Amino acid sequence: MRTELRRTMTELGTRQQPPYFVAYAITETRTTSLAASFGAMDIDRHDVRRVMDVDVRVGTHDLDNTRSIRGVAFEIGRGGRNIAVPLQADAPAIRTLLWSATDRVYRDAIERFGKVTTNRQVKVREEDTSADLSREIAYTHYDADQPFVFDTTGWRSRVRALSAMCAGHANLLQGRVTFQADYVIKWFANSDGSSIRVVEPIVKMFVIVKSKADDGMSLPLYKSYTAFHPDRLPSEATMRNDVQQMIDLCLQLRAAPLMETYTGPAILSGRSSGVFFHEIFGHRVEGHRQKDANSSQTFKPFLNKRILPDFIDVVFDPTISTLAGEDIVGFYRFDDEGIPGKAVNAVEKGVFKGFLMSRSPIDSFPISNGHGRRQAGYRPVSRQSNLIVRAARTVPYDSLRALLRSQCRAQGKEFGLLFDDIQGGFTFTGRTVPNAFNVQPLVVYKIFADGRPDELVRGVDLIGTPLTTFNNIVAAADDMGIFNGVCGAESGGVPVSASSPSILVSTIEVQKKQKSQAKPPLLGDPTIRTGGQP
């Protein structure tokens, strides 16, 4: 990669429009995938794949071919992404592929740079006139290979046994367990002089149990386990206990009453709060969105102003790999632009302090803080890493429930809500649609003001707008919940985590969840005996 990069810069440097920056990345992924449904294996494979991504820029750091062309809704990428690479260390073959892709991308870059300069002449002045590529120093780093040996036979047996626990239940429509171990090696070199090799192993297990209510509502429950090595996953006994609880809860949800639309106080458990912050805050502080003329840029006017209660801090920290004894998967040493991952104190004592930055500068933030991330085959943009919400002032969790009941009485509400577990969510950040979020709970309880036992309910999504919802946070518990997952956005799927204490919100809004109009299965499960008949 370095050899071909030097040749490219030297020989194309004599052209009328030479490239001022070139970057090469090769990603190798060795994947073991296992999956079973109701005790029977349906995926059992090992794959190895190498892909190459090429970035060529013409113009200058201040203005180049990557500048957004305003008025163009969609562009089809060409030439330099997700190119298959030989698995052997065959230097001539790899250099030939790099040469061929670089030629295509360079030609496209010249053509697009002409469109960029024309677009600037016919459009109004841009709101953000910052440069297109930050000036950074070069980095050299080499990760040696890590031990990543595990008992595939044992994990195959565990996946099959856990999924078999879901068999024999009349109203369970899905009981599936997956195991995926990825050993990822990334090579990166650019014309600034950076030369980096990093190793990023990750293991993901996923359990899904699903039923269907008589009114047609689909009732899925999910449980994920993530670590940097299979040995760091929970024991089989722990997983068995978790799966049994999922089965019991899923069947209880079939009989749970439907929740109507509601506004009032609520508690978000730590995991739910983490996803809540990821969706309504994290995506809105990704720096590249502040340059997009179509983005709402929610927090851009709030720099050095209060957006949260003064006892709340929010940090994005890719430099830590564990929290509360659990692996958090937003950890990395270098981002996908060759910049070391750095901790970003986005909120300090409730005051907004800054954005997550890739090498695409914005006003007042001229350099990267190591958050340029991508899935292989995509162009890097600023993305989240390990989001951690910290509260300087907390109460015991039971006291948080008491505060919820107090809020209910003050507002004349019969009950508040507890969002105990959450599936995920999505958010809109554009100007052409309402700037809102939708967080999708899996397990919700009514907590009654008069102290009656909690009641499990179903059928609602948590909705709202960011600034209003932030203003309604009134207290935090002394616990910490961790959500590990994969976040999908413009640069593909990247591993992230979101960690937070449970929080009390004085007013939230829920809307009815969309549901299917199809009835549950007309025939019973053929493996279950009824009335003495198989």
Protein backbone atom coordinates (compact mmCIF):
# COMPACT_ATOMS: atom_id res chain seq x y z
CA MET A 1 0.00 0.00 0.00
CA ARG A 2 2.75 2.47 0.93
CA THR A 3 4.73 1.63 -2.20
CA GLU A 4 1.81 2.19 -4.55
CA LEU A 5 0.82 5.34 -2.67
CA ARG A 6 4.27 6.87 -3.18
CA ARG A 7 4.19 6.02 -6.88
CA THR A 8 0.72 7.53 -7.25
CA MET A 9 1.65 10.82 -5.59
CA THR A 10 4.89 11.11 -7.57
CA GLU A 11 3.57 10.33 -11.03
CA LEU A 12 0.13 11.96 -10.76
CA GLY A 13 1.80 14.94 -9.10
CA THR A 14 2.90 16.11 -12.55
CA ARG A 15 -0.69 16.32 -13.87
CA GLN A 16 -2.51 19.62 -14.36
CA GLN A 17 -4.84 18.74 -11.46
CA PRO A 18 -2.74 16.51 -9.21
CA PRO A 19 -4.19 14.76 -6.19
CA TYR A 20 -3.26 16.53 -2.97
CA PHE A 21 -4.33 13.63 -0.76
CA VAL A 22 -4.71 9.86 -1.22
CA ALA A 23 -5.67 7.22 1.36
CA TYR A 24 -5.79 3.44 1.05
CA ALA A 25 -7.57 1.08 3.46
CA ILE A 26 -7.80 -2.70 3.40
CA THR A 27 -10.07 -4.54 5.85
CA GLU A 28 -9.87 -8.27 6.46
CA THR A 29 -12.70 -9.93 8.38
CA ARG A 30 -12.54 -13.54 9.56
CA THR A 31 -16.05 -14.51 10.67
CA THR A 32 -17.45 -17.57 12.43
CA SER A 33 -21.27 -17.59 12.31
CA LEU A 34 -23.53 -20.00 14.19
CA ALA A 35 -27.32 -19.84 14.49
CA ALA A 36 -30.11 -22.12 15.64
CA SER A 37 -33.91 -21.94 15.83
CA PHE A 38 -35.86 -24.07 18.32
CA GLY A 39 -32.82 -26.32 18.85
CA ALA A 40 -31.84 -26.90 15.21
CA MET A 41 -28.80 -25.34 13.55
CA ASP A 42 -29.48 -23.32 10.39
CA ILE A 43 -26.17 -21.41 10.02
CA ASP A 44 -22.74 -22.90 10.58
CA ARG A 45 -19.97 -21.31 8.55
CA HIS A 46 -16.58 -19.62 8.57
CA ASP A 47 -15.83 -16.83 6.09
CA VAL A 48 -12.76 -14.74 5.31
CA ARG A 49 -13.04 -11.56 3.29
CA ARG A 50 -10.71 -8.69 2.36
CA VAL A 51 -11.96 -5.45 0.83
CA MET A 52 -10.21 -2.27 -0.24
CA ASP A 53 -11.31 1.37 -0.12
CA VAL A 54 -9.56 4.18 -2.00
CA ASP A 55 -9.91 7.91 -1.35
CA VAL A 56 -8.42 10.44 -3.80
CA ARG A 57 -8.84 14.20 -3.41
CA VAL A 58 -8.06 16.98 -5.88
CA GLY A 59 -8.11 20.69 -5.12
CA THR A 60 -6.87 21.80 -1.71
CA HIS A 61 -7.58 21.16 1.96
CA ASP A 62 -9.85 24.22 1.84
CA LEU A 63 -11.89 23.11 -1.20
CA ASP A 64 -11.85 19.71 -2.86
CA ASN A 65 -13.99 17.23 -4.77
CA THR A 66 -15.77 15.95 -1.64
CA ARG A 67 -17.58 19.26 -1.00
CA SER A 68 -21.37 18.83 -0.96
CA ILE A 69 -23.07 19.79 -4.23
CA ARG A 70 -26.13 21.67 -3.12
CA GLY A 71 -29.34 20.94 -4.98
CA VAL A 72 -28.33 17.36 -5.82
CA ALA A 73 -30.45 14.95 -3.78
CA PHE A 74 -28.56 11.75 -4.56
CA GLU A 75 -25.22 10.78 -6.07
CA ILE A 76 -24.13 7.30 -7.03
CA GLY A 77 -20.66 6.47 -5.73
CA ARG A 78 -18.19 5.06 -8.24
CA GLY A 79 -15.00 3.12 -8.42
CA GLY A 80 -13.11 3.05 -5.13
CA ARG A 81 -15.20 1.32 -2.48
CA ASN A 82 -15.58 -2.26 -1.29
CA ILE A 83 -13.24 -3.83 -3.85
CA ALA A 84 -12.42 -7.49 -3.21
CA VAL A 85 -8.74 -8.10 -2.45
CA PRO A 86 -6.78 -11.39 -2.61
CA LEU A 87 -6.43 -13.15 0.72
CA GLN A 88 -2.79 -13.99 0.08
CA ALA A 89 0.08 -11.57 0.63
CA ASP A 90 0.42 -11.14 -3.13
CA ALA A 91 2.02 -7.70 -3.52
CA PRO A 92 1.79 -7.45 -7.35
CA ALA A 93 -1.91 -8.40 -7.35
CA ILE A 94 -2.77 -5.97 -4.55
CA ARG A 95 -0.76 -3.16 -6.18
CA THR A 96 -2.55 -3.78 -9.49
CA LEU A 97 -5.94 -3.45 -7.80
CA LEU A 98 -4.82 -0.28 -6.00
CA TRP A 99 -3.52 1.20 -9.26
CA SER A 100 -6.71 0.37 -11.17
CA ALA A 101 -9.03 1.73 -8.47
CA THR A 102 -6.91 4.85 -7.95
CA ASP A 103 -7.09 5.66 -11.65
CA ARG A 104 -10.91 5.41 -11.65
CA VAL A 105 -11.30 7.41 -8.45
CA TYR A 106 -8.84 10.09 -9.61
CA ARG A 107 -10.75 10.60 -12.87
CA ASP A 108 -14.03 10.81 -10.96
CA ALA A 109 -12.47 13.28 -8.49
CA ILE A 110 -11.41 15.65 -11.31
CA GLU A 111 -14.88 15.49 -12.85
CA ARG A 112 -16.63 16.08 -9.55
CA PHE A 113 -14.31 18.92 -8.56
CA GLY A 114 -15.45 20.76 -11.68
CA LYS A 115 -19.06 20.35 -10.56
CA VAL A 116 -18.17 21.57 -7.05
CA THR A 117 -16.61 24.80 -8.33
CA THR A 118 -19.54 25.43 -10.69
CA ASN A 119 -22.05 24.76 -7.91
CA ARG A 120 -20.37 27.36 -5.68
CA GLN A 121 -20.70 29.97 -8.41
CA VAL A 122 -24.44 29.51 -8.91
CA LYS A 123 -25.55 28.93 -5.30
CA VAL A 124 -25.78 31.32 -2.35
CA ARG A 125 -22.86 31.51 0.05
CA GLU A 126 -22.57 28.43 2.25
CA GLU A 127 -23.52 28.73 5.91
CA ASP A 128 -20.36 26.84 6.90
CA THR A 129 -17.30 27.82 4.86
CA SER A 130 -14.79 25.66 6.72
CA ALA A 131 -12.26 23.46 4.91
CA ASP A 132 -12.96 20.04 3.41
CA LEU A 133 -10.04 18.19 5.03
CA SER A 134 -8.31 18.95 8.31
CA ARG A 135 -4.53 19.19 8.48
CA GLU A 136 -3.30 16.42 10.76
CA ILE A 137 0.05 14.93 11.70
CA ALA A 138 0.99 11.45 10.51
CA TYR A 139 0.70 8.43 12.81
CA THR A 140 2.42 5.07 12.73
CA HIS A 141 1.00 2.15 14.70
CA TYR A 142 1.19 -1.62 14.43
CA ASP A 143 -1.05 -4.07 16.31
CA ALA A 144 0.34 -7.59 16.46
CA ASP A 145 -2.16 -10.41 16.02
CA GLN A 146 -4.12 -11.29 19.15
CA PRO A 147 -5.03 -14.77 20.46
CA PHE A 148 -8.52 -15.50 19.18
CA VAL A 149 -8.94 -19.25 19.61
CA PHE A 150 -12.20 -20.63 20.97
CA ASP A 151 -14.13 -23.88 21.14
CA THR A 152 -16.41 -23.73 18.11
CA THR A 153 -17.94 -27.09 19.01
CA GLY A 154 -18.83 -25.85 22.49
CA TRP A 155 -20.42 -22.65 21.20
CA ARG A 156 -22.35 -24.60 18.57
CA SER A 157 -23.75 -26.76 21.36
CA ARG A 158 -24.63 -23.72 23.48
CA VAL A 159 -26.43 -21.94 20.63
CA ARG A 160 -28.45 -25.06 19.90
CA ALA A 161 -29.29 -25.68 23.58
CA LEU A 162 -30.37 -22.09 24.28
CA SER A 163 -32.65 -21.99 21.25
CA ALA A 164 -34.12 -25.39 22.20
CA MET A 165 -35.45 -23.80 25.40
CA CYS A 166 -38.00 -21.98 23.20
CA ALA A 167 -39.45 -25.19 21.79
CA GLY A 168 -42.64 -26.64 23.23
CA HIS A 169 -44.32 -23.31 24.05
CA ALA A 170 -47.64 -23.05 22.23
CA ASN A 171 -47.53 -19.31 21.56
CA LEU A 172 -43.86 -18.75 20.78
CA LEU A 173 -43.43 -18.11 17.07
CA GLN A 174 -39.69 -17.55 17.10
CA GLY A 175 -36.87 -18.73 19.32
CA ARG A 176 -33.55 -18.03 17.68
CA VAL A 177 -29.98 -17.67 18.96
CA THR A 178 -27.04 -16.42 16.90
CA PHE A 179 -23.31 -16.31 17.60
CA GLN A 180 -20.88 -14.30 15.48
CA ALA A 181 -17.15 -13.94 16.14
CA ASP A 182 -15.33 -11.41 13.94
CA TYR A 183 -11.57 -11.04 13.88
CA VAL A 184 -11.02 -7.79 12.00
CA ILE A 185 -7.66 -6.53 10.73
CA LYS A 186 -7.44 -3.02 9.27
CA TRP A 187 -4.50 -1.68 7.27
CA PHE A 188 -4.43 2.06 6.52
CA ALA A 189 -1.96 4.33 4.72
CA ASN A 190 -2.28 7.89 3.46
CA SER A 191 -0.20 10.52 1.69
CA ASP A 192 0.27 12.44 4.96
CA GLY A 193 2.59 9.60 5.97
CA SER A 194 0.31 7.59 8.28
CA SER A 195 0.83 3.83 8.32
CA ILE A 196 -1.45 1.86 10.65
CA ARG A 197 -2.41 -1.75 11.32
CA VAL A 198 -5.06 -2.40 13.97
CA VAL A 199 -6.74 -5.59 15.14
CA GLU A 200 -10.34 -5.31 16.34
CA PRO A 201 -11.94 -8.60 17.48
CA ILE A 202 -15.58 -8.60 18.50
CA VAL A 203 -18.05 -11.33 19.48
CA LYS A 204 -21.82 -10.88 19.36
CA MET A 205 -24.57 -13.18 20.58
CA PHE A 206 -28.19 -12.37 19.94
CA VAL A 207 -31.35 -14.00 21.28
CA ILE A 208 -34.80 -13.26 19.87
CA VAL A 209 -38.03 -14.63 21.32
CA LYS A 210 -41.26 -13.60 19.66
CA SER A 211 -44.96 -14.15 20.17
CA LYS A 212 -48.12 -12.56 18.82
CA ALA A 213 -51.10 -11.16 20.68
CA ASP A 214 -54.65 -12.06 19.72
CA ASP A 215 -55.12 -8.52 18.32
CA GLY A 216 -52.26 -9.10 15.83
CA MET A 217 -49.50 -7.18 17.64
CA SER A 218 -46.07 -8.74 17.21
CA LEU A 219 -44.29 -9.11 20.55
CA PRO A 220 -40.53 -9.58 20.16
CA LEU A 221 -37.98 -9.55 22.95
CA TYR A 222 -34.25 -9.29 22.34
CA LYS A 223 -31.16 -9.99 24.38
CA SER A 224 -27.63 -9.31 23.19
CA TYR A 225 -24.22 -10.19 24.57
CA THR A 226 -21.08 -8.51 23.25
CA ALA A 227 -17.41 -8.87 24.14
CA PHE A 228 -13.95 -8.77 22.63
CA HIS A 229 -13.42 -12.53 23.05
CA PRO A 230 -15.86 -15.44 23.54
CA ASP A 231 -14.30 -16.17 26.94
CA ARG A 232 -15.59 -12.78 28.17
CA LEU A 233 -19.24 -13.60 27.44
CA PRO A 234 -21.50 -14.66 30.35
CA SER A 235 -21.66 -18.29 31.42
CA GLU A 236 -24.13 -20.70 29.87
CA ALA A 237 -26.04 -20.83 33.17
CA THR A 238 -26.47 -17.05 33.11
CA MET A 239 -27.66 -17.15 29.51
CA ARG A 240 -30.12 -19.96 30.29
CA ASN A 241 -31.58 -17.89 33.09
CA ASP A 242 -31.89 -14.89 30.76
CA VAL A 243 -33.61 -16.93 28.03
CA GLN A 244 -36.09 -18.42 30.50
CA GLN A 245 -36.97 -14.93 31.75
CA MET A 246 -37.45 -13.80 28.14
CA ILE A 247 -39.79 -16.70 27.43
CA ASP A 248 -41.87 -16.04 30.54
CA LEU A 249 -42.07 -12.30 29.86
CA CYS A 250 -42.92 -12.78 26.19
CA LEU A 251 -45.87 -14.99 27.08
CA GLN A 252 -46.99 -12.49 29.75
CA LEU A 253 -46.98 -9.74 27.13
CA ARG A 254 -49.65 -11.61 25.14
CA ALA A 255 -52.10 -10.96 27.97
CA ALA A 256 -50.85 -7.47 28.85
CA PRO A 257 -53.30 -4.62 28.22
CA LEU A 258 -52.71 -2.15 25.42
CA MET A 259 -51.35 1.21 26.53
CA GLU A 260 -53.13 4.27 25.19
CA THR A 261 -51.47 7.53 24.19
CA TYR A 262 -50.07 9.26 27.26
CA THR A 263 -48.13 12.25 28.50
CA GLY A 264 -46.68 12.32 32.00
CA PRO A 265 -43.70 11.35 34.15
CA ALA A 266 -41.56 8.32 33.39
CA ILE A 267 -38.41 6.47 34.39
CA LEU A 268 -36.01 5.27 31.74
CA SER A 269 -33.86 2.37 32.95
CA GLY A 270 -30.12 2.72 32.37
CA ARG A 271 -30.14 0.77 29.07
CA SER A 272 -33.22 2.63 27.89
CA SER A 273 -31.69 5.97 28.86
CA GLY A 274 -28.49 5.09 27.01
CA VAL A 275 -30.40 4.42 23.78
CA PHE A 276 -32.46 7.55 24.42
CA PHE A 277 -29.29 9.70 24.56
CA HIS A 278 -27.79 7.89 21.57
CA GLU A 279 -30.79 8.71 19.41
CA ILE A 280 -31.80 12.20 20.49
CA PHE A 281 -28.35 13.60 21.30
CA GLY A 282 -25.55 11.51 19.82
CA HIS A 283 -26.61 11.72 16.18
CA ARG A 284 -27.15 15.46 16.46
CA VAL A 285 -23.60 16.14 17.63
CA GLU A 286 -21.91 14.24 14.81
CA GLY A 287 -19.87 17.04 13.26
CA HIS A 288 -20.48 16.42 9.56
CA ARG A 289 -24.20 17.13 10.03
CA GLN A 290 -23.36 20.73 10.96
CA LYS A 291 -22.07 21.30 7.39
CA ASP A 292 -25.13 19.79 5.74
CA ALA A 293 -27.44 22.57 4.52
CA ASN A 294 -30.38 20.17 4.89
CA SER A 295 -29.60 19.22 8.49
CA SER A 296 -31.49 20.78 11.40
CA GLN A 297 -28.18 21.40 13.27
CA THR A 298 -30.09 21.26 16.56
CA PHE A 299 -27.21 21.97 18.93
CA LYS A 300 -25.07 24.25 16.77
CA PRO A 301 -26.53 27.44 18.36
CA PHE A 302 -26.09 25.98 21.86
CA LEU A 303 -22.30 25.84 22.03
CA ASN A 304 -21.29 26.82 25.59
CA LYS A 305 -24.94 27.05 26.60
CA ARG A 306 -26.96 24.84 28.94
CA ILE A 307 -28.94 22.02 27.32
CA LEU A 308 -29.21 19.57 30.27
CA PRO A 309 -29.54 19.79 34.06
CA ASP A 310 -26.33 20.96 35.74
CA PHE A 311 -25.73 17.53 37.32
CA ILE A 312 -25.42 15.77 33.93
CA ASP A 313 -22.21 15.20 31.92
CA VAL A 314 -22.02 13.38 28.58
CA VAL A 315 -18.73 12.04 27.23
CA PHE A 316 -17.90 10.03 24.11
CA ASP A 317 -14.79 8.00 24.91
CA PRO A 318 -13.37 5.43 22.47
CA THR A 319 -10.27 4.96 24.63
CA ILE A 320 -11.92 2.77 27.28
CA SER A 321 -12.78 -0.86 26.62
CA THR A 322 -14.66 -1.79 29.80
CA LEU A 323 -17.19 -0.13 32.08
CA ALA A 324 -18.57 -1.62 35.30
CA GLY A 325 -16.79 -4.87 34.42
CA GLU A 326 -18.43 -5.18 30.99
CA ASP A 327 -16.81 -4.81 27.56
CA ILE A 328 -18.07 -1.72 25.70
CA VAL A 329 -17.71 -2.05 21.96
CA GLY A 330 -17.29 1.60 20.95
CA PHE A 331 -13.62 1.12 21.85
CA TYR A 332 -10.88 1.60 19.24
CA ARG A 333 -7.30 2.86 19.12
CA PHE A 334 -7.47 4.63 15.76
CA ASP A 335 -10.50 5.73 13.78
CA ASP A 336 -10.94 4.89 10.10
CA GLU A 337 -9.08 8.02 8.99
CA GLY A 338 -5.93 7.10 10.90
CA ILE A 339 -6.52 9.48 13.82
CA PRO A 340 -6.22 8.28 17.46
CA GLY A 341 -9.58 8.01 19.20
CA LYS A 342 -9.95 10.77 21.79
CA ALA A 343 -12.40 11.36 24.64
CA VAL A 344 -14.85 14.17 23.84
CA ASN A 345 -16.56 15.94 26.74
CA ALA A 346 -19.69 16.89 24.85
CA VAL A 347 -21.63 18.13 27.89
CA GLU A 348 -20.08 19.43 31.13
CA LYS A 349 -22.41 20.27 34.03
CA GLY A 350 -25.28 20.54 31.57
CA VAL A 351 -23.43 22.88 29.18
CA PHE A 352 -22.84 21.80 25.57
CA LYS A 353 -19.12 21.87 24.77
CA GLY A 354 -18.48 20.30 21.41
CA PHE A 355 -19.05 17.93 18.50
CA LEU A 356 -17.72 14.57 17.40
CA MET A 357 -15.24 15.31 14.62
CA SER A 358 -13.81 13.42 11.67
CA ARG A 359 -11.32 15.07 9.30
CA SER A 360 -14.17 17.16 7.86
CA PRO A 361 -13.83 20.49 9.75
CA ILE A 362 -16.69 22.74 10.81
CA ASP A 363 -16.74 26.29 12.14
CA SER A 364 -14.71 26.52 15.38
CA PHE A 365 -13.64 22.84 15.13
CA PRO A 366 -10.79 22.67 12.59
CA ILE A 367 -9.30 19.27 13.50
CA SER A 368 -10.43 15.71 14.14
CA ASN A 369 -10.97 14.21 17.59
CA GLY A 370 -10.76 10.67 16.26
CA HIS A 371 -14.41 9.97 15.44
CA GLY A 372 -14.18 9.43 11.68
CA ARG A 373 -15.69 5.95 11.38
CA ARG A 374 -17.10 3.66 8.74
CA GLN A 375 -17.99 0.14 7.80
CA ALA A 376 -15.68 -1.25 5.11
CA GLY A 377 -16.99 -0.08 1.74
CA TYR A 378 -18.24 3.32 2.94
CA ARG A 379 -16.71 6.80 3.22
CA PRO A 380 -15.88 7.79 6.82
CA VAL A 381 -17.95 10.47 8.56
CA SER A 382 -18.13 11.56 12.19
CA ARG A 383 -19.82 8.85 14.26
CA GLN A 384 -20.42 7.96 17.90
CA SER A 385 -18.16 5.67 19.97
CA ASN A 386 -18.75 4.94 23.69
CA LEU A 387 -21.44 7.33 24.90
CA ILE A 388 -21.39 7.65 28.68
CA VAL A 389 -23.89 9.72 30.69
CA ARG A 390 -22.65 10.60 34.16
CA ALA A 391 -24.67 12.17 36.97
CA ALA A 392 -22.94 14.15 39.72
CA ARG A 393 -26.06 14.01 41.89
CA THR A 394 -27.92 10.70 42.24
CA VAL A 395 -30.48 8.89 44.38
CA PRO A 396 -30.98 5.16 45.04
CA TYR A 397 -33.14 3.47 42.42
CA ASP A 398 -36.00 2.91 44.89
CA SER A 399 -35.95 6.63 45.67
CA LEU A 400 -36.23 7.35 41.94
CA ARG A 401 -39.45 5.32 41.90
CA ALA A 402 -40.70 7.31 44.89
CA LEU A 403 -39.92 10.54 43.05
CA LEU A 404 -41.90 9.25 40.06
CA ARG A 405 -44.95 8.66 42.28
CA SER A 406 -44.52 12.15 43.71
CA GLN A 407 -44.45 13.59 40.20
CA CYS A 408 -47.65 11.67 39.38
CA ARG A 409 -49.46 13.11 42.39
CA ALA A 410 -48.26 16.64 41.61
CA GLN A 411 -49.51 16.33 38.02
CA GLY A 412 -52.76 14.58 38.93
CA LYS A 413 -51.73 11.39 37.12
CA GLU A 414 -52.92 7.95 38.22
CA PHE A 415 -49.64 6.39 37.10
CA GLY A 416 -46.26 7.01 35.53
CA LEU A 417 -44.35 4.74 33.19
CA LEU A 418 -41.19 2.67 33.56
CA PHE A 419 -39.36 1.89 30.32
CA ASP A 420 -37.51 -1.19 31.48
CA ASP A 421 -36.01 -2.40 28.20
CA ILE A 422 -35.69 -0.99 24.74
CA GLN A 423 -35.19 -2.29 21.22
CA GLY A 424 -33.61 0.76 19.60
CA GLY A 425 -34.97 3.72 17.77
CA PHE A 426 -34.47 6.28 15.06
CA THR A 427 -34.31 10.02 14.74
CA PHE A 428 -34.89 12.64 12.09
CA THR A 429 -32.25 15.33 11.75
CA GLY A 430 -33.30 16.98 8.48
CA ARG A 431 -35.06 20.30 8.01
CA THR A 432 -37.79 18.99 5.71
CA VAL A 433 -39.38 16.71 8.34
CA PRO A 434 -40.31 17.26 12.00
CA ASN A 435 -37.08 17.20 14.02
CA ALA A 436 -38.21 14.38 16.28
CA PHE A 437 -37.18 10.97 17.65
CA ASN A 438 -38.92 7.63 18.08
CA VAL A 439 -37.53 5.22 20.69
CA GLN A 440 -39.04 1.74 20.59
CA PRO A 441 -39.56 0.11 24.01
CA LEU A 442 -39.89 -3.63 24.48
CA VAL A 443 -40.91 -3.77 28.16
CA VAL A 444 -43.02 -1.02 29.76
CA TYR A 445 -44.72 -0.95 33.18
CA LYS A 446 -47.26 1.34 34.76
CA ILE A 447 -46.10 2.51 38.21
CA PHE A 448 -49.14 3.67 40.18
CA ALA A 449 -49.12 6.77 42.35
CA ASP A 450 -50.99 4.98 45.14
CA GLY A 451 -48.41 2.19 45.43
CA ARG A 452 -50.37 -0.60 43.72
CA PRO A 453 -48.23 -3.33 42.10
CA ASP A 454 -46.69 -2.42 38.76
CA GLU A 455 -48.65 -3.42 35.65
CA LEU A 456 -47.02 -4.70 32.46
CA VAL A 457 -48.40 -2.96 29.34
CA ARG A 458 -47.63 -3.10 25.62
CA GLY A 459 -48.06 -1.23 22.39
CA VAL A 460 -46.37 2.18 22.74
CA ASP A 461 -43.39 4.08 21.32
CA LEU A 462 -41.61 6.91 23.09
CA ILE A 463 -41.65 10.06 20.95
CA GLY A 464 -40.70 13.71 21.27
CA THR A 465 -38.28 16.45 20.32
CA PRO A 466 -34.78 16.74 21.80
CA LEU A 467 -34.66 20.15 23.48
CA THR A 468 -38.05 19.82 25.15
CA THR A 469 -37.30 16.33 26.44
CA PHE A 470 -33.87 17.31 27.80
CA ASN A 471 -35.47 20.14 29.76
CA ASN A 472 -37.72 17.59 31.51
CA ILE A 473 -34.95 15.49 33.12
CA VAL A 474 -35.24 15.94 36.88
CA ALA A 475 -33.23 13.16 38.59
CA ALA A 476 -30.86 10.24 38.08
CA ALA A 477 -30.30 6.98 39.96
CA ASP A 478 -27.01 5.60 41.27
CA ASP A 479 -27.02 2.64 38.84
CA MET A 480 -25.48 2.24 35.37
CA GLY A 481 -27.01 0.41 32.41
CA ILE A 482 -25.00 -0.53 29.31
CA PHE A 483 -26.31 -0.99 25.77
CA ASN A 484 -23.93 -2.49 23.18
CA GLY A 485 -24.96 -2.55 19.56
CA VAL A 486 -24.27 -1.64 15.96
CA CYS A 487 -25.35 1.81 14.78
CA GLY A 488 -26.31 2.23 11.14
CA ALA A 489 -25.97 5.58 9.35
CA GLU A 490 -24.37 7.13 6.26
CA SER A 491 -21.06 5.32 6.72
CA GLY A 492 -22.60 1.91 7.38
CA GLY A 493 -22.78 -0.05 10.62
CA VAL A 494 -20.22 0.63 13.36
CA PRO A 495 -20.02 -0.87 16.89
CA VAL A 496 -21.14 1.56 19.58
CA SER A 497 -22.15 1.52 23.22
CA ALA A 498 -24.44 3.78 25.23
CA SER A 499 -24.27 3.81 29.03
CA SER A 500 -26.36 5.79 31.48
CA PRO A 501 -27.92 5.76 34.93
CA SER A 502 -31.68 5.40 35.13
CA ILE A 503 -33.29 8.83 34.79
CA LEU A 504 -36.60 10.41 35.78
CA VAL A 505 -38.28 12.63 33.20
CA SER A 506 -41.13 14.86 34.37
CA THR A 507 -43.02 14.67 31.07
CA ILE A 508 -42.72 12.29 28.15
CA GLU A 509 -45.12 11.40 25.35
CA VAL A 510 -45.96 7.99 23.95
CA GLN A 511 -47.90 7.04 20.87
CA LYS A 512 -49.52 3.78 19.83
CA LYS A 513 -47.16 1.31 18.21
CA GLN A 514 -47.91 0.14 14.69
CA LYS A 515 -49.27 -3.39 14.62
CA SER A 516 -50.10 -6.08 12.14
CA GLN A 517 -53.71 -6.84 11.28
CA ALA A 518 -52.95 -10.54 10.79
CA LYS A 519 -54.26 -12.97 13.39
CA PRO A 520 -52.03 -15.42 15.27
CA PRO A 521 -51.48 -18.76 13.48
CA LEU A 522 -54.69 -20.63 12.72
CA LEU A 523 -53.12 -24.02 13.45
CA GLY A 524 -51.32 -24.92 16.63
CA ASP A 525 -47.64 -25.79 16.86
CA PRO A 526 -47.30 -29.30 15.32
CA THR A 527 -44.70 -30.34 17.92
CA ILE A 528 -47.03 -29.80 20.86
CA ARG A 529 -49.52 -32.48 21.85
CA THR A 530 -53.09 -31.34 22.53
CA GLY A 531 -55.88 -33.65 23.64
CA GLY A 532 -53.57 -36.63 23.37
CA GLN A 533 -52.95 -36.03 19.67
CA PRO A 534 -49.53 -35.05 18.20
